Amino acid sequence: MLKVQAIESFYGASQVLFGMGLDVNDGEVVTLLGRNGMGKTTTLNTLMGIKRAQSGEIVFNGETITALPSYKIAKLGLGLVPEGRQIFPNLTVWENLVATAADRHGHANPWTLERVFAMFPELASRRSSMGNLLSGGEQQMLAIGRALMTNPQLLILDEATEGLAPLIRQEIWTCLSQLKAEGLSILVVDKNIADLTRLADRHYVIEKGRVVWSGSSAELAEDTKVQERYLGV
């Protein structure tokens, strides 16, 4: 579904990504792991066209999207849940969700308000509340719901559970497990290795803008040296 090859990306004269590469298959959950400042968010922003790659190629469902603007990439079926949630603070929950609603690919069971509210009942009870009045957990649920309302073929989450209370984190992981069971492809950044190894099929570990390790959940769980060297605090 997604193939990223030899991506290089810069902020001014400072290079952040050095030959970055990864792929996500249909129906697969893949993670991007690494300490802070190693290029994870830059990778996701480059995939979404928020940051332009200087070289390399990004292919989604057979179409090269490397030079496309963000809105065209989103229309092709990539849905982003950004770091920091970035919901619309001056819109209600209902308005946040309907603002992005679309089913451009004719899904058999498209995401609707009813489906989002069924997955996150807290949002149903807050549908008339302004975005800036929600808790952090409710905002993250809303950010996920907003992305789902675009009916993406690939859901991308940057720091899926960062800063959330344990019960809310568990609710997010349960949501992602349900989405995986429905066959949605997911690319996720997070720091909770135990939860990620239970959920994901494969992992990429990056350091200083390069992939330094990749493998299955079983391989990552067994390789304590990789965890200590690249993921430990």
C-alpha atoms as a PDB file:
ATOM      1  CA  MET A   1       0.000   0.000   0.000  1.00  0.00           C
ATOM      2  CA  LEU A   2       2.687   2.504   1.051  1.00  0.00           C
ATOM      3  CA  LYS A   3       6.303   2.378  -0.063  1.00  0.00           C
ATOM      4  CA  VAL A   4       8.856   4.982   1.026  1.00  0.00           C
ATOM      5  CA  GLN A   5      12.289   4.877  -0.584  1.00  0.00           C
ATOM      6  CA  ALA A   6      15.450   6.873   0.150  1.00  0.00           C
ATOM      7  CA  ILE A   7      13.707   9.979   1.473  1.00  0.00           C
ATOM      8  CA  GLU A   8      15.877  12.934   2.424  1.00  0.00           C
ATOM      9  CA  SER A   9      14.377  15.970   4.105  1.00  0.00           C
ATOM     10  CA  PHE A  10      15.773  19.260   5.416  1.00  0.00           C
ATOM     11  CA  TYR A  11      14.839  22.186   7.626  1.00  0.00           C
ATOM     12  CA  GLY A  12      16.789  24.971   5.995  1.00  0.00           C
ATOM     13  CA  ALA A  13      20.385  23.771   5.773  1.00  0.00           C
ATOM     14  CA  SER A  14      19.885  21.100   8.435  1.00  0.00           C
ATOM     15  CA  GLN A  15      19.222  17.603   7.117  1.00  0.00           C
ATOM     16  CA  VAL A  16      16.802  15.534   9.203  1.00  0.00           C
ATOM     17  CA  LEU A  17      16.078  12.406   7.126  1.00  0.00           C
ATOM     18  CA  PHE A  18      18.905  10.443   5.528  1.00  0.00           C
ATOM     19  CA  GLY A  19      17.667   7.841   3.046  1.00  0.00           C
ATOM     20  CA  MET A  20      14.536   7.083   5.057  1.00  0.00           C
ATOM     21  CA  GLY A  21      12.622   4.019   3.888  1.00  0.00           C
ATOM     22  CA  LEU A  22       9.660   1.975   5.065  1.00  0.00           C
ATOM     23  CA  ASP A  23       6.574   0.216   3.751  1.00  0.00           C
ATOM     24  CA  VAL A  24       3.083  -0.629   4.974  1.00  0.00           C
ATOM     25  CA  ASN A  25       1.085  -3.477   3.472  1.00  0.00           C
ATOM     26  CA  ASP A  26      -2.682  -3.652   3.130  1.00  0.00           C
ATOM     27  CA  GLY A  27      -4.322  -4.367   6.497  1.00  0.00           C
ATOM     28  CA  GLU A  28      -1.040  -4.128   8.392  1.00  0.00           C
ATOM     29  CA  VAL A  29      -0.141  -2.174  11.530  1.00  0.00           C
ATOM     30  CA  VAL A  30       3.399  -0.766  11.402  1.00  0.00           C
ATOM     31  CA  THR A  31       5.195   1.398  13.965  1.00  0.00           C
ATOM     32  CA  LEU A  32       7.903   4.023  13.710  1.00  0.00           C
ATOM     33  CA  LEU A  33       9.984   4.034  16.890  1.00  0.00           C
ATOM     34  CA  GLY A  34      12.839   6.082  18.257  1.00  0.00           C
ATOM     35  CA  ARG A  35      13.785   8.636  20.857  1.00  0.00           C
ATOM     36  CA  ASN A  36      12.638  12.236  20.633  1.00  0.00           C
ATOM     37  CA  GLY A  37      14.252  14.282  17.886  1.00  0.00           C
ATOM     38  CA  MET A  38      15.176  11.331  15.660  1.00  0.00           C
ATOM     39  CA  GLY A  39      12.899  12.243  12.741  1.00  0.00           C
ATOM     40  CA  LYS A  40       9.655  10.384  13.380  1.00  0.00           C
ATOM     41  CA  THR A  41       7.343  13.394  13.054  1.00  0.00           C
ATOM     42  CA  THR A  42       9.343  14.707  10.103  1.00  0.00           C
ATOM     43  CA  THR A  43       8.851  11.345   8.389  1.00  0.00           C
ATOM     44  CA  LEU A  44       5.080  11.492   8.902  1.00  0.00           C
ATOM     45  CA  ASN A  45       4.891  15.126   7.812  1.00  0.00           C
ATOM     46  CA  THR A  46       6.854  14.234   4.684  1.00  0.00           C
ATOM     47  CA  LEU A  47       4.450  11.396   3.903  1.00  0.00           C
ATOM     48  CA  MET A  48       1.535  13.828   4.205  1.00  0.00           C
ATOM     49  CA  GLY A  49       3.154  16.540   2.081  1.00  0.00           C
ATOM     50  CA  ILE A  50       3.387  18.933   5.031  1.00  0.00           C
ATOM     51  CA  LYS A  51       7.164  18.761   4.636  1.00  0.00           C
ATOM     52  CA  ARG A  52       8.531  18.395   1.109  1.00  0.00           C
ATOM     53  CA  ALA A  53      11.125  15.672   0.502  1.00  0.00           C
ATOM     54  CA  GLN A  54      14.273  16.875  -1.266  1.00  0.00           C
ATOM     55  CA  SER A  55      14.891  13.454  -2.793  1.00  0.00           C
ATOM     56  CA  GLY A  56      13.534   9.922  -2.744  1.00  0.00           C
ATOM     57  CA  GLU A  57      10.100   8.569  -3.592  1.00  0.00           C
ATOM     58  CA  ILE A  58       6.810   7.962  -1.782  1.00  0.00           C
ATOM     59  CA  VAL A  59       4.328   5.640  -3.509  1.00  0.00           C
ATOM     60  CA  PHE A  60       0.786   5.064  -2.248  1.00  0.00           C
ATOM     61  CA  ASN A  61      -1.373   2.418  -3.930  1.00  0.00           C
ATOM     62  CA  GLY A  62       0.856   2.523  -6.984  1.00  0.00           C
ATOM     63  CA  GLU A  63       0.774   6.322  -7.355  1.00  0.00           C
ATOM     64  CA  THR A  64       3.811   8.516  -6.696  1.00  0.00           C
ATOM     65  CA  ILE A  65       2.788  11.175  -4.183  1.00  0.00           C
ATOM     66  CA  THR A  66       6.201  12.644  -3.316  1.00  0.00           C
ATOM     67  CA  ALA A  67       5.516  16.083  -4.783  1.00  0.00           C
ATOM     68  CA  LEU A  68       1.768  16.310  -4.164  1.00  0.00           C
ATOM     69  CA  PRO A  69       0.291  18.940  -1.831  1.00  0.00           C
ATOM     70  CA  SER A  70      -1.228  17.784   1.447  1.00  0.00           C
ATOM     71  CA  TYR A  71      -4.858  18.118   0.419  1.00  0.00           C
ATOM     72  CA  LYS A  72      -4.372  15.855  -2.589  1.00  0.00           C
ATOM     73  CA  ILE A  73      -2.555  13.274  -0.468  1.00  0.00           C
ATOM     74  CA  ALA A  74      -5.419  13.319   2.028  1.00  0.00           C
ATOM     75  CA  LYS A  75      -7.944  12.834  -0.780  1.00  0.00           C
ATOM     76  CA  LEU A  76      -6.051   9.738  -1.927  1.00  0.00           C
ATOM     77  CA  GLY A  77      -6.752   8.088   1.412  1.00  0.00           C
ATOM     78  CA  LEU A  78      -4.113   9.019   3.988  1.00  0.00           C
ATOM     79  CA  GLY A  79      -5.603  10.199   7.283  1.00  0.00           C
ATOM     80  CA  LEU A  80      -3.376  11.910   9.871  1.00  0.00           C
ATOM     81  CA  VAL A  81      -3.875  12.138  13.631  1.00  0.00           C
ATOM     82  CA  PRO A  82      -1.193  14.752  14.329  1.00  0.00           C
ATOM     83  CA  GLU A  83       0.983  15.142  17.391  1.00  0.00           C
ATOM     84  CA  GLY A  84      -0.713  17.467  19.855  1.00  0.00           C
ATOM     85  CA  ARG A  85      -4.184  16.565  18.457  1.00  0.00           C
ATOM     86  CA  GLN A  86      -4.657  19.938  16.690  1.00  0.00           C
ATOM     87  CA  ILE A  87      -8.431  19.764  16.763  1.00  0.00           C
ATOM     88  CA  PHE A  88     -10.327  22.950  15.868  1.00  0.00           C
ATOM     89  CA  PRO A  89     -10.747  24.666  19.267  1.00  0.00           C
ATOM     90  CA  ASN A  90     -13.508  27.061  18.190  1.00  0.00           C
ATOM     91  CA  LEU A  91     -15.684  24.318  16.643  1.00  0.00           C
ATOM     92  CA  THR A  92     -17.904  21.861  18.469  1.00  0.00           C
ATOM     93  CA  VAL A  93     -17.228  18.130  18.517  1.00  0.00           C
ATOM     94  CA  TRP A  94     -19.935  17.664  15.893  1.00  0.00           C
ATOM     95  CA  GLU A  95     -18.474  20.430  13.704  1.00  0.00           C
ATOM     96  CA  ASN A  96     -14.943  19.017  13.998  1.00  0.00           C
ATOM     97  CA  LEU A  97     -16.191  15.674  12.723  1.00  0.00           C
ATOM     98  CA  VAL A  98     -18.416  16.824   9.870  1.00  0.00           C
ATOM     99  CA  ALA A  99     -15.799  19.342   8.670  1.00  0.00           C
ATOM    100  CA  THR A 100     -13.652  16.507   7.295  1.00  0.00           C
ATOM    101  CA  ALA A 101     -16.357  13.985   6.406  1.00  0.00           C
ATOM    102  CA  ALA A 102     -15.962  12.306   3.006  1.00  0.00           C
ATOM    103  CA  ASP A 103     -16.146   8.858   1.426  1.00  0.00           C
ATOM    104  CA  ARG A 104     -14.193   9.256  -1.792  1.00  0.00           C
ATOM    105  CA  HIS A 105     -13.458   5.552  -2.221  1.00  0.00           C
ATOM    106  CA  GLY A 106     -16.924   4.083  -1.758  1.00  0.00           C
ATOM    107  CA  HIS A 107     -16.340   2.017   1.377  1.00  0.00           C
ATOM    108  CA  ALA A 108     -18.887  -0.703   2.053  1.00  0.00           C
ATOM    109  CA  ASN A 109     -19.237   0.480   5.654  1.00  0.00           C
ATOM    110  CA  PRO A 110     -18.058   4.098   5.706  1.00  0.00           C
ATOM    111  CA  TRP A 111     -17.273   6.036   8.854  1.00  0.00           C
ATOM    112  CA  THR A 112     -20.155   8.237   9.936  1.00  0.00           C
ATOM    113  CA  LEU A 113     -20.993  10.278  13.022  1.00  0.00           C
ATOM    114  CA  GLU A 114     -22.892   7.313  14.401  1.00  0.00           C
ATOM    115  CA  ARG A 115     -19.912   4.956  14.005  1.00  0.00           C
ATOM    116  CA  VAL A 116     -17.503   7.433  15.599  1.00  0.00           C
ATOM    117  CA  PHE A 117     -19.874   8.053  18.516  1.00  0.00           C
ATOM    118  CA  ALA A 118     -20.319   4.296  18.951  1.00  0.00           C
ATOM    119  CA  MET A 119     -16.538   3.855  19.183  1.00  0.00           C
ATOM    120  CA  PHE A 120     -16.107   6.871  21.482  1.00  0.00           C
ATOM    121  CA  PRO A 121     -19.291   7.315  23.574  1.00  0.00           C
ATOM    122  CA  GLU A 122     -17.616  10.180  25.453  1.00  0.00           C
ATOM    123  CA  LEU A 123     -17.732  12.237  22.258  1.00  0.00           C
ATOM    124  CA  ALA A 124     -21.440  11.547  21.783  1.00  0.00           C
ATOM    125  CA  SER A 125     -22.188  13.102  25.163  1.00  0.00           C
ATOM    126  CA  ARG A 126     -19.974  16.101  24.326  1.00  0.00           C
ATOM    127  CA  ARG A 127     -21.107  16.633  20.742  1.00  0.00           C
ATOM    128  CA  SER A 128     -22.134  20.251  21.418  1.00  0.00           C
ATOM    129  CA  SER A 129     -19.002  21.141  23.400  1.00  0.00           C
ATOM    130  CA  MET A 130     -16.322  23.343  21.901  1.00  0.00           C
ATOM    131  CA  GLY A 131     -13.038  21.631  21.136  1.00  0.00           C
ATOM    132  CA  ASN A 132     -11.060  23.725  23.612  1.00  0.00           C
ATOM    133  CA  LEU A 133     -13.322  22.583  26.473  1.00  0.00           C
ATOM    134  CA  LEU A 134     -12.497  18.893  26.034  1.00  0.00           C
ATOM    135  CA  SER A 135     -10.015  16.973  28.151  1.00  0.00           C
ATOM    136  CA  GLY A 136      -6.779  15.782  26.570  1.00  0.00           C
ATOM    137  CA  GLY A 137      -8.179  12.286  26.189  1.00  0.00           C
ATOM    138  CA  GLU A 138     -11.388  13.549  24.610  1.00  0.00           C
ATOM    139  CA  GLN A 139      -9.366  15.695  22.218  1.00  0.00           C
ATOM    140  CA  GLN A 140      -7.342  12.654  21.147  1.00  0.00           C
ATOM    141  CA  MET A 141     -10.528  10.669  20.568  1.00  0.00           C
ATOM    142  CA  LEU A 142     -11.839  13.583  18.519  1.00  0.00           C
ATOM    143  CA  ALA A 143      -8.620  13.759  16.484  1.00  0.00           C
ATOM    144  CA  ILE A 144      -8.909  10.048  15.699  1.00  0.00           C
ATOM    145  CA  GLY A 145     -12.614  10.383  14.902  1.00  0.00           C
ATOM    146  CA  ARG A 146     -11.911  13.350  12.633  1.00  0.00           C
ATOM    147  CA  ALA A 147      -9.331  11.318  10.688  1.00  0.00           C
ATOM    148  CA  LEU A 148     -11.705   8.354  10.446  1.00  0.00           C
ATOM    149  CA  MET A 149     -14.437  10.608   9.035  1.00  0.00           C
ATOM    150  CA  THR A 150     -12.239  11.045   5.946  1.00  0.00           C
ATOM    151  CA  ASN A 151     -12.574   7.250   5.491  1.00  0.00           C
ATOM    152  CA  PRO A 152      -8.836   6.742   5.037  1.00  0.00           C
ATOM    153  CA  GLN A 153      -7.190   3.682   3.564  1.00  0.00           C
ATOM    154  CA  LEU A 154      -4.140   4.326   5.760  1.00  0.00           C
ATOM    155  CA  LEU A 155      -4.484   5.870   9.225  1.00  0.00           C
ATOM    156  CA  ILE A 156      -1.348   7.627  10.515  1.00  0.00           C
ATOM    157  CA  LEU A 157      -1.020   8.484  14.210  1.00  0.00           C
ATOM    158  CA  ASP A 158       1.763  10.632  15.655  1.00  0.00           C
ATOM    159  CA  GLU A 159       2.206   9.983  19.403  1.00  0.00           C
ATOM    160  CA  ALA A 160      -1.055   8.082  19.712  1.00  0.00           C
ATOM    161  CA  THR A 161      -1.240   8.069  23.528  1.00  0.00           C
ATOM    162  CA  GLU A 162       1.248  10.741  24.643  1.00  0.00           C
ATOM    163  CA  GLY A 163       0.261  12.519  27.850  1.00  0.00           C
ATOM    164  CA  LEU A 164      -2.936  10.506  28.375  1.00  0.00           C
ATOM    165  CA  ALA A 165      -4.150   8.864  31.563  1.00  0.00           C
ATOM    166  CA  PRO A 166      -3.763   5.056  31.707  1.00  0.00           C
ATOM    167  CA  LEU A 167      -7.485   4.350  31.264  1.00  0.00           C
ATOM    168  CA  ILE A 168      -7.668   6.644  28.227  1.00  0.00           C
ATOM    169  CA  ARG A 169      -4.528   5.073  26.768  1.00  0.00           C
ATOM    170  CA  GLN A 170      -6.145   1.663  27.055  1.00  0.00           C
ATOM    171  CA  GLU A 171      -9.253   2.965  25.295  1.00  0.00           C
ATOM    172  CA  ILE A 172      -7.105   4.241  22.409  1.00  0.00           C
ATOM    173  CA  TRP A 173      -5.318   0.872  22.113  1.00  0.00           C
ATOM    174  CA  THR A 174      -8.678  -0.912  22.110  1.00  0.00           C
ATOM    175  CA  CYS A 175      -9.856   1.401  19.344  1.00  0.00           C
ATOM    176  CA  LEU A 176      -6.772   0.688  17.244  1.00  0.00           C
ATOM    177  CA  SER A 177      -7.181  -3.050  17.787  1.00  0.00           C
ATOM    178  CA  GLN A 178     -10.746  -2.807  16.500  1.00  0.00           C
ATOM    179  CA  LEU A 179      -9.609  -0.840  13.466  1.00  0.00           C
ATOM    180  CA  LYS A 180      -6.943  -3.451  12.746  1.00  0.00           C
ATOM    181  CA  ALA A 181      -9.551  -6.220  13.025  1.00  0.00           C
ATOM    182  CA  GLU A 182     -11.619  -4.376  10.426  1.00  0.00           C
ATOM    183  CA  GLY A 183      -8.629  -4.451   8.047  1.00  0.00           C
ATOM    184  CA  LEU A 184      -7.557  -0.800   8.224  1.00  0.00           C
ATOM    185  CA  SER A 185      -3.869  -0.181   7.563  1.00  0.00           C
ATOM    186  CA  ILE A 186      -2.222   1.825  10.352  1.00  0.00           C
ATOM    187  CA  LEU A 187       1.145   3.556  10.762  1.00  0.00           C
ATOM    188  CA  VAL A 188       1.690   4.645  14.357  1.00  0.00           C
ATOM    189  CA  VAL A 189       4.284   6.502  16.405  1.00  0.00           C
ATOM    190  CA  ASP A 190       4.231   5.954  20.162  1.00  0.00           C
ATOM    191  CA  LYS A 191       6.535   5.150  23.076  1.00  0.00           C
ATOM    192  CA  ASN A 192       4.555   2.376  24.789  1.00  0.00           C
ATOM    193  CA  ILE A 193       6.520  -0.605  23.518  1.00  0.00           C
ATOM    194  CA  ALA A 194       4.502  -3.251  25.384  1.00  0.00           C
ATOM    195  CA  ASP A 195       1.233  -2.046  23.854  1.00  0.00           C
ATOM    196  CA  LEU A 196       2.767  -1.608  20.418  1.00  0.00           C
ATOM    197  CA  THR A 197       4.210  -5.130  20.306  1.00  0.00           C
ATOM    198  CA  ARG A 198       0.763  -6.533  21.126  1.00  0.00           C
ATOM    199  CA  LEU A 199      -0.880  -4.492  18.381  1.00  0.00           C
ATOM    200  CA  ALA A 200       1.583  -4.123  15.515  1.00  0.00           C
ATOM    201  CA  ASP A 201       2.824  -6.530  12.880  1.00  0.00           C
ATOM    202  CA  ARG A 202       6.157  -4.849  12.159  1.00  0.00           C
ATOM    203  CA  HIS A 203       8.355  -2.072  13.532  1.00  0.00           C
ATOM    204  CA  TYR A 204      10.943   0.375  12.224  1.00  0.00           C
ATOM    205  CA  VAL A 205      13.426   1.885  14.667  1.00  0.00           C
ATOM    206  CA  ILE A 206      15.060   5.109  13.544  1.00  0.00           C
ATOM    207  CA  GLU A 207      17.994   7.091  14.853  1.00  0.00           C
ATOM    208  CA  LYS A 208      19.092  10.448  13.462  1.00  0.00           C
ATOM    209  CA  GLY A 209      16.838  10.135  10.430  1.00  0.00           C
ATOM    210  CA  ARG A 210      17.880   6.607   9.431  1.00  0.00           C
ATOM    211  CA  VAL A 211      16.294   3.182   9.903  1.00  0.00           C
ATOM    212  CA  VAL A 212      18.666   1.253  12.157  1.00  0.00           C
ATOM    213  CA  TRP A 213      16.477  -1.803  12.810  1.00  0.00           C
ATOM    214  CA  SER A 214      13.282  -3.369  11.504  1.00  0.00           C
ATOM    215  CA  GLY A 215      11.437  -6.536  12.344  1.00  0.00           C
ATOM    216  CA  SER A 216       8.366  -8.229  13.793  1.00  0.00           C
ATOM    217  CA  SER A 217       6.842  -7.735  17.241  1.00  0.00           C
ATOM    218  CA  ALA A 218       8.291 -11.036  18.409  1.00  0.00           C
ATOM    219  CA  GLU A 219      11.754 -10.022  17.232  1.00  0.00           C
ATOM    220  CA  LEU A 220      11.527  -6.622  18.919  1.00  0.00           C
ATOM    221  CA  ALA A 221      10.284  -8.108  22.190  1.00  0.00           C
ATOM    222  CA  GLU A 222      13.223 -10.517  22.221  1.00  0.00           C
ATOM    223  CA  ASP A 223      15.886  -7.989  21.222  1.00  0.00           C
ATOM    224  CA  THR A 224      16.493  -6.171  24.493  1.00  0.00           C
ATOM    225  CA  LYS A 225      19.738  -4.678  23.153  1.00  0.00           C
ATOM    226  CA  VAL A 226      17.829  -2.781  20.446  1.00  0.00           C
ATOM    227  CA  GLN A 227      15.330  -1.548  23.008  1.00  0.00           C
ATOM    228  CA  GLU A 228      18.067  -0.374  25.378  1.00  0.00           C
ATOM    229  CA  ARG A 229      20.237   1.225  22.693  1.00  0.00           C
ATOM    230  CA  TYR A 230      17.644   3.022  20.612  1.00  0.00           C
ATOM    231  CA  LEU A 231      14.455   3.238  22.705  1.00  0.00           C
ATOM    232  CA  GLY A 232      15.558   3.514  26.332  1.00  0.00           C
ATOM    233  CA  VAL A 233      15.463   6.825  28.167  1.00  0.00           C
END
